[in-house]
Amino acid sequence: MRQKRNEERVSSSFSEKWDSLASDEKTAIELTFARNRLKTKELAEFLGKGVQATRKIFTGLEEKGILSKIATSPTDPNSYYILKPPKKED
């Protein structure tokens, strides 16, 4: 039940993009929403995929303006991703 509510909250925040996202991308967004931040390794373990595949998911979501990477350097092992707040229409 809680997962359904979280999915509804997240999908309403990104309604215009939500339908065009792949299921792994939606999962990444939902987990980031639930945990406030998410590391590449955490998503890889959750999805049962490799770290490289997970990086591609995060990179795609960054390019779409949904997630932001927080890191001190490009190779920071403690980097993580957070949700960008949806842009408000004026």
C-alpha atoms as a PDB file:
ATOM      1  CA  MET A   1       0.000   0.000   0.000  1.00  0.00           C
ATOM      2  CA  ARG A   2       2.756   2.422   0.961  1.00  0.00           C
ATOM      3  CA  GLN A   3       4.604   1.667  -2.278  1.00  0.00           C
ATOM      4  CA  LYS A   4       1.460   2.467  -4.269  1.00  0.00           C
ATOM      5  CA  ARG A   5       1.067   5.831  -2.482  1.00  0.00           C
ATOM      6  CA  ASN A   6       4.737   6.682  -3.051  1.00  0.00           C
ATOM      7  CA  GLU A   7       4.429   5.776  -6.722  1.00  0.00           C
ATOM      8  CA  GLU A   8       1.369   8.020  -7.061  1.00  0.00           C
ATOM      9  CA  ARG A   9       3.147  10.945  -5.360  1.00  0.00           C
ATOM     10  CA  VAL A  10       6.234  10.561  -7.502  1.00  0.00           C
ATOM     11  CA  SER A  11       4.333  10.063 -10.759  1.00  0.00           C
ATOM     12  CA  SER A  12       2.226  13.158 -10.088  1.00  0.00           C
ATOM     13  CA  SER A  13       5.402  15.200  -9.522  1.00  0.00           C
ATOM     14  CA  PHE A  14       6.826  14.086 -12.866  1.00  0.00           C
ATOM     15  CA  SER A  15       3.530  13.486 -14.667  1.00  0.00           C
ATOM     16  CA  GLU A  16       4.586  14.753 -18.075  1.00  0.00           C
ATOM     17  CA  LYS A  17       7.677  12.509 -18.168  1.00  0.00           C
ATOM     18  CA  TRP A  18       6.457   9.523 -16.106  1.00  0.00           C
ATOM     19  CA  ASP A  19       4.731   7.594 -18.902  1.00  0.00           C
ATOM     20  CA  SER A  20       7.792   7.742 -21.158  1.00  0.00           C
ATOM     21  CA  LEU A  21      10.176   6.271 -18.555  1.00  0.00           C
ATOM     22  CA  ALA A  22      11.376   2.660 -18.496  1.00  0.00           C
ATOM     23  CA  SER A  23      10.473   0.533 -15.479  1.00  0.00           C
ATOM     24  CA  ASP A  24      14.070   0.616 -14.154  1.00  0.00           C
ATOM     25  CA  GLU A  25      14.042   4.414 -14.373  1.00  0.00           C
ATOM     26  CA  LYS A  26      10.754   4.549 -12.473  1.00  0.00           C
ATOM     27  CA  THR A  27      12.196   2.221  -9.832  1.00  0.00           C
ATOM     28  CA  ALA A  28      15.258   4.461  -9.455  1.00  0.00           C
ATOM     29  CA  ILE A  29      13.046   7.513  -8.980  1.00  0.00           C
ATOM     30  CA  GLU A  30      10.771   5.758  -6.472  1.00  0.00           C
ATOM     31  CA  LEU A  31      13.726   4.496  -4.407  1.00  0.00           C
ATOM     32  CA  THR A  32      15.374   7.917  -4.464  1.00  0.00           C
ATOM     33  CA  PHE A  33      12.074   9.455  -3.332  1.00  0.00           C
ATOM     34  CA  ALA A  34      11.667   6.940  -0.511  1.00  0.00           C
ATOM     35  CA  ARG A  35      15.273   7.188   0.712  1.00  0.00           C
ATOM     36  CA  ASN A  36      15.930  10.866  -0.147  1.00  0.00           C
ATOM     37  CA  ARG A  37      19.156   9.820  -1.901  1.00  0.00           C
ATOM     38  CA  LEU A  38      20.453   6.743  -3.661  1.00  0.00           C
ATOM     39  CA  LYS A  39      23.878   5.362  -4.528  1.00  0.00           C
ATOM     40  CA  THR A  40      24.651   3.496  -7.735  1.00  0.00           C
ATOM     41  CA  LYS A  41      25.523   0.303  -5.871  1.00  0.00           C
ATOM     42  CA  GLU A  42      22.233   0.379  -3.922  1.00  0.00           C
ATOM     43  CA  LEU A  43      20.181   0.549  -7.104  1.00  0.00           C
ATOM     44  CA  ALA A  44      22.317  -2.156  -8.740  1.00  0.00           C
ATOM     45  CA  GLU A  45      21.667  -4.507  -5.827  1.00  0.00           C
ATOM     46  CA  PHE A  46      17.951  -3.713  -5.786  1.00  0.00           C
ATOM     47  CA  LEU A  47      17.542  -4.289  -9.539  1.00  0.00           C
ATOM     48  CA  GLY A  48      19.929  -7.234  -9.678  1.00  0.00           C
ATOM     49  CA  LYS A  49      21.938  -5.508 -12.403  1.00  0.00           C
ATOM     50  CA  GLY A  50      25.546  -4.439 -12.747  1.00  0.00           C
ATOM     51  CA  VAL A  51      26.902  -1.096 -11.649  1.00  0.00           C
ATOM     52  CA  GLN A  52      27.562  -0.076 -15.283  1.00  0.00           C
ATOM     53  CA  ALA A  53      23.915  -0.642 -16.252  1.00  0.00           C
ATOM     54  CA  THR A  54      22.809   1.302 -13.201  1.00  0.00           C
ATOM     55  CA  ARG A  55      25.090   4.208 -14.085  1.00  0.00           C
ATOM     56  CA  LYS A  56      23.415   4.393 -17.492  1.00  0.00           C
ATOM     57  CA  ILE A  57      20.006   4.599 -15.796  1.00  0.00           C
ATOM     58  CA  PHE A  58      21.193   7.425 -13.538  1.00  0.00           C
ATOM     59  CA  THR A  59      22.876   9.261 -16.415  1.00  0.00           C
ATOM     60  CA  GLY A  60      19.674   9.117 -18.449  1.00  0.00           C
ATOM     61  CA  LEU A  61      17.630  10.468 -15.556  1.00  0.00           C
ATOM     62  CA  GLU A  62      20.188  13.240 -15.043  1.00  0.00           C
ATOM     63  CA  GLU A  63      19.940  14.204 -18.712  1.00  0.00           C
ATOM     64  CA  LYS A  64      16.138  14.273 -18.434  1.00  0.00           C
ATOM     65  CA  GLY A  65      16.449  16.702 -15.519  1.00  0.00           C
ATOM     66  CA  ILE A  66      14.929  14.364 -12.934  1.00  0.00           C
ATOM     67  CA  LEU A  67      17.964  13.515 -10.770  1.00  0.00           C
ATOM     68  CA  SER A  68      21.084  15.374  -9.692  1.00  0.00           C
ATOM     69  CA  LYS A  69      24.405  13.753  -8.876  1.00  0.00           C
ATOM     70  CA  ILE A  70      26.076  14.867  -5.657  1.00  0.00           C
ATOM     71  CA  ALA A  71      29.823  14.188  -5.648  1.00  0.00           C
ATOM     72  CA  THR A  72      33.074  15.888  -4.729  1.00  0.00           C
ATOM     73  CA  SER A  73      34.833  14.606  -7.853  1.00  0.00           C
ATOM     74  CA  PRO A  74      33.923  12.632 -10.994  1.00  0.00           C
ATOM     75  CA  THR A  75      35.231   9.415  -9.404  1.00  0.00           C
ATOM     76  CA  ASP A  76      33.921  10.012  -5.863  1.00  0.00           C
ATOM     77  CA  PRO A  77      33.057   6.583  -4.386  1.00  0.00           C
ATOM     78  CA  ASN A  78      30.588   8.239  -2.014  1.00  0.00           C
ATOM     79  CA  SER A  79      28.572   9.968  -4.733  1.00  0.00           C
ATOM     80  CA  TYR A  80      24.793   9.695  -4.676  1.00  0.00           C
ATOM     81  CA  TYR A  81      21.745  10.954  -6.533  1.00  0.00           C
ATOM     82  CA  ILE A  82      18.857  13.089  -5.333  1.00  0.00           C
ATOM     83  CA  LEU A  83      15.609  14.150  -6.958  1.00  0.00           C
ATOM     84  CA  LYS A  84      15.526  17.560  -8.549  1.00  0.00           C
ATOM     85  CA  PRO A  85      12.439  19.460  -7.468  1.00  0.00           C
ATOM     86  CA  PRO A  86       9.912  19.714 -10.317  1.00  0.00           C
ATOM     87  CA  LYS A  87       9.933  23.035 -12.100  1.00  0.00           C
ATOM     88  CA  LYS A  88       6.940  25.173 -11.300  1.00  0.00           C
ATOM     89  CA  GLU A  89       5.076  26.695 -14.194  1.00  0.00           C
ATOM     90  CA  ASP A  90       4.552  30.466 -13.939  1.00  0.00           C
END
